[in-house]
Amino acid sequence: MPVTNQQVAGHVFLQQMYDDSYFPDHVVDRGKAILLRLCERVEVEQLSDLETLYALTQAATEEFNLLEREFVAAGSGIETVAREWICDEFCFIATAYGFMDADAEELTSGRDW
């Protein structure tokens, strides 16, 4: 199901990672897919509270935790700069769906990258 939020639909997720040859595109593609699935779930479930948003972002964060292994296997990794870029995408999603009060740390609090 494609996202219907126009702000999200027009956004290129993880663009900085695509622009940096340190990050293999095929692995970044998987990260982008995680973020798009998160957006789809937010739209399908029509969230109305932060706690539900946090539950969805935690599930997506767990997927990124697993994806870290693929980055490492490809000679890369989710290091400091990439961590910030990914966290920024979670914040973008929260804001795009009207959760202006979402806590940036809470959105990815389960991360181990």
C-alpha atoms as a PDB file:
ATOM      1  CA  MET A   1       0.000   0.000   0.000  1.00  0.00           C
ATOM      2  CA  PRO A   2       1.613   3.286  -1.026  1.00  0.00           C
ATOM      3  CA  VAL A   3       1.654   6.105   1.498  1.00  0.00           C
ATOM      4  CA  THR A   4      -0.931   8.842   1.012  1.00  0.00           C
ATOM      5  CA  ASN A   5       0.677  11.575   3.115  1.00  0.00           C
ATOM      6  CA  GLN A   6       1.981  13.975   0.461  1.00  0.00           C
ATOM      7  CA  GLN A   7       4.864  15.183   2.626  1.00  0.00           C
ATOM      8  CA  VAL A   8       6.057  11.597   3.064  1.00  0.00           C
ATOM      9  CA  ALA A   9       5.369  10.584  -0.541  1.00  0.00           C
ATOM     10  CA  GLY A  10       7.607  13.401  -1.768  1.00  0.00           C
ATOM     11  CA  HIS A  11      10.434  12.643   0.676  1.00  0.00           C
ATOM     12  CA  VAL A  12      13.558  10.687  -0.244  1.00  0.00           C
ATOM     13  CA  PHE A  13      14.384   8.620   2.816  1.00  0.00           C
ATOM     14  CA  LEU A  14      18.043   8.175   3.788  1.00  0.00           C
ATOM     15  CA  GLN A  15      19.271  10.390   0.952  1.00  0.00           C
ATOM     16  CA  GLN A  16      22.523  11.177   2.793  1.00  0.00           C
ATOM     17  CA  MET A  17      23.305   7.484   3.044  1.00  0.00           C
ATOM     18  CA  TYR A  18      22.663   6.978  -0.663  1.00  0.00           C
ATOM     19  CA  ASP A  19      24.988   9.911  -1.358  1.00  0.00           C
ATOM     20  CA  ASP A  20      27.825   8.375   0.687  1.00  0.00           C
ATOM     21  CA  SER A  21      29.597   5.427  -0.958  1.00  0.00           C
ATOM     22  CA  TYR A  22      30.442   3.997   2.492  1.00  0.00           C
ATOM     23  CA  PHE A  23      26.864   2.739   2.698  1.00  0.00           C
ATOM     24  CA  PRO A  24      25.932   0.049   0.151  1.00  0.00           C
ATOM     25  CA  ASP A  25      22.761   1.008  -1.687  1.00  0.00           C
ATOM     26  CA  HIS A  26      21.244  -2.465  -1.424  1.00  0.00           C
ATOM     27  CA  VAL A  27      21.406  -2.276   2.379  1.00  0.00           C
ATOM     28  CA  VAL A  28      20.213   1.336   2.471  1.00  0.00           C
ATOM     29  CA  ASP A  29      17.280   0.178   0.314  1.00  0.00           C
ATOM     30  CA  ARG A  30      16.302  -2.173   3.141  1.00  0.00           C
ATOM     31  CA  GLY A  31      16.448   0.722   5.620  1.00  0.00           C
ATOM     32  CA  LYS A  32      14.276   2.831   3.346  1.00  0.00           C
ATOM     33  CA  ALA A  33      11.778  -0.041   3.151  1.00  0.00           C
ATOM     34  CA  ILE A  34      11.632  -0.186   6.964  1.00  0.00           C
ATOM     35  CA  LEU A  35      10.785   3.505   7.110  1.00  0.00           C
ATOM     36  CA  LEU A  36       8.142   3.223   4.391  1.00  0.00           C
ATOM     37  CA  ARG A  37       6.510   0.264   6.178  1.00  0.00           C
ATOM     38  CA  LEU A  38       6.438   2.379   9.330  1.00  0.00           C
ATOM     39  CA  CYS A  39       4.622   5.139   7.426  1.00  0.00           C
ATOM     40  CA  GLU A  40       2.156   2.644   6.002  1.00  0.00           C
ATOM     41  CA  ARG A  41       1.403   1.298   9.474  1.00  0.00           C
ATOM     42  CA  VAL A  42       0.900   4.810  10.851  1.00  0.00           C
ATOM     43  CA  GLU A  43      -1.603   5.484   8.079  1.00  0.00           C
ATOM     44  CA  VAL A  44      -3.436   2.159   8.337  1.00  0.00           C
ATOM     45  CA  GLU A  45      -3.749   2.340  12.112  1.00  0.00           C
ATOM     46  CA  GLN A  46      -4.684   6.052  12.056  1.00  0.00           C
ATOM     47  CA  LEU A  47      -2.731   6.771  15.207  1.00  0.00           C
ATOM     48  CA  SER A  48      -4.066   9.240  17.725  1.00  0.00           C
ATOM     49  CA  ASP A  49      -1.564   9.015  20.567  1.00  0.00           C
ATOM     50  CA  LEU A  50       2.174   9.048  21.125  1.00  0.00           C
ATOM     51  CA  GLU A  51       2.296   5.726  22.946  1.00  0.00           C
ATOM     52  CA  THR A  52       0.999   3.896  19.891  1.00  0.00           C
ATOM     53  CA  LEU A  53       3.442   5.781  17.674  1.00  0.00           C
ATOM     54  CA  TYR A  54       6.296   4.802  20.008  1.00  0.00           C
ATOM     55  CA  ALA A  55       5.241   1.149  19.816  1.00  0.00           C
ATOM     56  CA  LEU A  56       5.423   1.277  16.014  1.00  0.00           C
ATOM     57  CA  THR A  57       8.740   3.120  15.972  1.00  0.00           C
ATOM     58  CA  GLN A  58      10.193   0.612  18.416  1.00  0.00           C
ATOM     59  CA  ALA A  59       9.288  -2.213  16.050  1.00  0.00           C
ATOM     60  CA  ALA A  60      10.979  -0.335  13.188  1.00  0.00           C
ATOM     61  CA  THR A  61      13.998   0.343  15.406  1.00  0.00           C
ATOM     62  CA  GLU A  62      14.305  -3.392  16.056  1.00  0.00           C
ATOM     63  CA  GLU A  63      14.367  -3.942  12.300  1.00  0.00           C
ATOM     64  CA  PHE A  64      17.229  -1.439  12.044  1.00  0.00           C
ATOM     65  CA  ASN A  65      19.000  -3.300  14.859  1.00  0.00           C
ATOM     66  CA  LEU A  66      18.941  -6.404  12.665  1.00  0.00           C
ATOM     67  CA  LEU A  67      19.907  -4.404   9.585  1.00  0.00           C
ATOM     68  CA  GLU A  68      23.080  -3.235  11.336  1.00  0.00           C
ATOM     69  CA  ARG A  69      24.439  -6.764  10.849  1.00  0.00           C
ATOM     70  CA  GLU A  70      23.919  -6.471   7.106  1.00  0.00           C
ATOM     71  CA  PHE A  71      25.740  -3.156   7.034  1.00  0.00           C
ATOM     72  CA  VAL A  72      28.668  -4.725   8.889  1.00  0.00           C
ATOM     73  CA  ALA A  73      28.703  -7.760   6.591  1.00  0.00           C
ATOM     74  CA  ALA A  74      28.905  -5.357   3.638  1.00  0.00           C
ATOM     75  CA  GLY A  75      31.896  -3.552   5.155  1.00  0.00           C
ATOM     76  CA  SER A  76      29.898  -0.650   6.514  1.00  0.00           C
ATOM     77  CA  GLY A  77      27.973   0.100   9.688  1.00  0.00           C
ATOM     78  CA  ILE A  78      25.530   2.421  11.360  1.00  0.00           C
ATOM     79  CA  GLU A  79      28.031   4.780  12.938  1.00  0.00           C
ATOM     80  CA  THR A  80      27.525   8.194  14.547  1.00  0.00           C
ATOM     81  CA  VAL A  81      26.593  10.181  11.449  1.00  0.00           C
ATOM     82  CA  ALA A  82      24.326   7.464  10.042  1.00  0.00           C
ATOM     83  CA  ARG A  83      22.666   7.089  13.438  1.00  0.00           C
ATOM     84  CA  GLU A  84      21.767  10.774  13.366  1.00  0.00           C
ATOM     85  CA  TRP A  85      20.466  10.534   9.802  1.00  0.00           C
ATOM     86  CA  ILE A  86      18.264   7.570  10.674  1.00  0.00           C
ATOM     87  CA  CYS A  87      16.971   9.227  13.839  1.00  0.00           C
ATOM     88  CA  ASP A  88      16.188  12.343  11.799  1.00  0.00           C
ATOM     89  CA  GLU A  89      14.031  10.210   9.523  1.00  0.00           C
ATOM     90  CA  PHE A  90      12.062   8.900  12.499  1.00  0.00           C
ATOM     91  CA  CYS A  91      11.527  12.502  13.637  1.00  0.00           C
ATOM     92  CA  PHE A  92      10.465  13.487  10.122  1.00  0.00           C
ATOM     93  CA  ILE A  93       7.869  10.717  10.116  1.00  0.00           C
ATOM     94  CA  ALA A  94       6.500  11.723  13.518  1.00  0.00           C
ATOM     95  CA  THR A  95       6.187  15.349  12.429  1.00  0.00           C
ATOM     96  CA  ALA A  96       4.698  14.478   9.031  1.00  0.00           C
ATOM     97  CA  TYR A  97       1.905  12.614  10.787  1.00  0.00           C
ATOM     98  CA  GLY A  98       1.187  15.396  13.271  1.00  0.00           C
ATOM     99  CA  PHE A  99       3.123  14.179  16.302  1.00  0.00           C
ATOM    100  CA  MET A 100       5.009  17.422  16.917  1.00  0.00           C
ATOM    101  CA  ASP A 101       5.565  16.529  20.587  1.00  0.00           C
ATOM    102  CA  ALA A 102       7.255  13.196  19.885  1.00  0.00           C
ATOM    103  CA  ASP A 103      10.478  12.786  21.835  1.00  0.00           C
ATOM    104  CA  ALA A 104      13.379  12.177  19.458  1.00  0.00           C
ATOM    105  CA  GLU A 105      15.116   9.779  21.859  1.00  0.00           C
ATOM    106  CA  GLU A 106      11.953   7.848  22.617  1.00  0.00           C
ATOM    107  CA  LEU A 107      11.263   7.232  18.907  1.00  0.00           C
ATOM    108  CA  THR A 108      14.375   5.023  18.674  1.00  0.00           C
ATOM    109  CA  SER A 109      15.043   4.229  22.318  1.00  0.00           C
ATOM    110  CA  GLY A 110      15.492   0.519  21.606  1.00  0.00           C
ATOM    111  CA  ARG A 111      18.358   1.048  19.177  1.00  0.00           C
ATOM    112  CA  ASP A 112      21.681  -0.697  19.642  1.00  0.00           C
ATOM    113  CA  TRP A 113      23.473   1.211  16.894  1.00  0.00           C
END
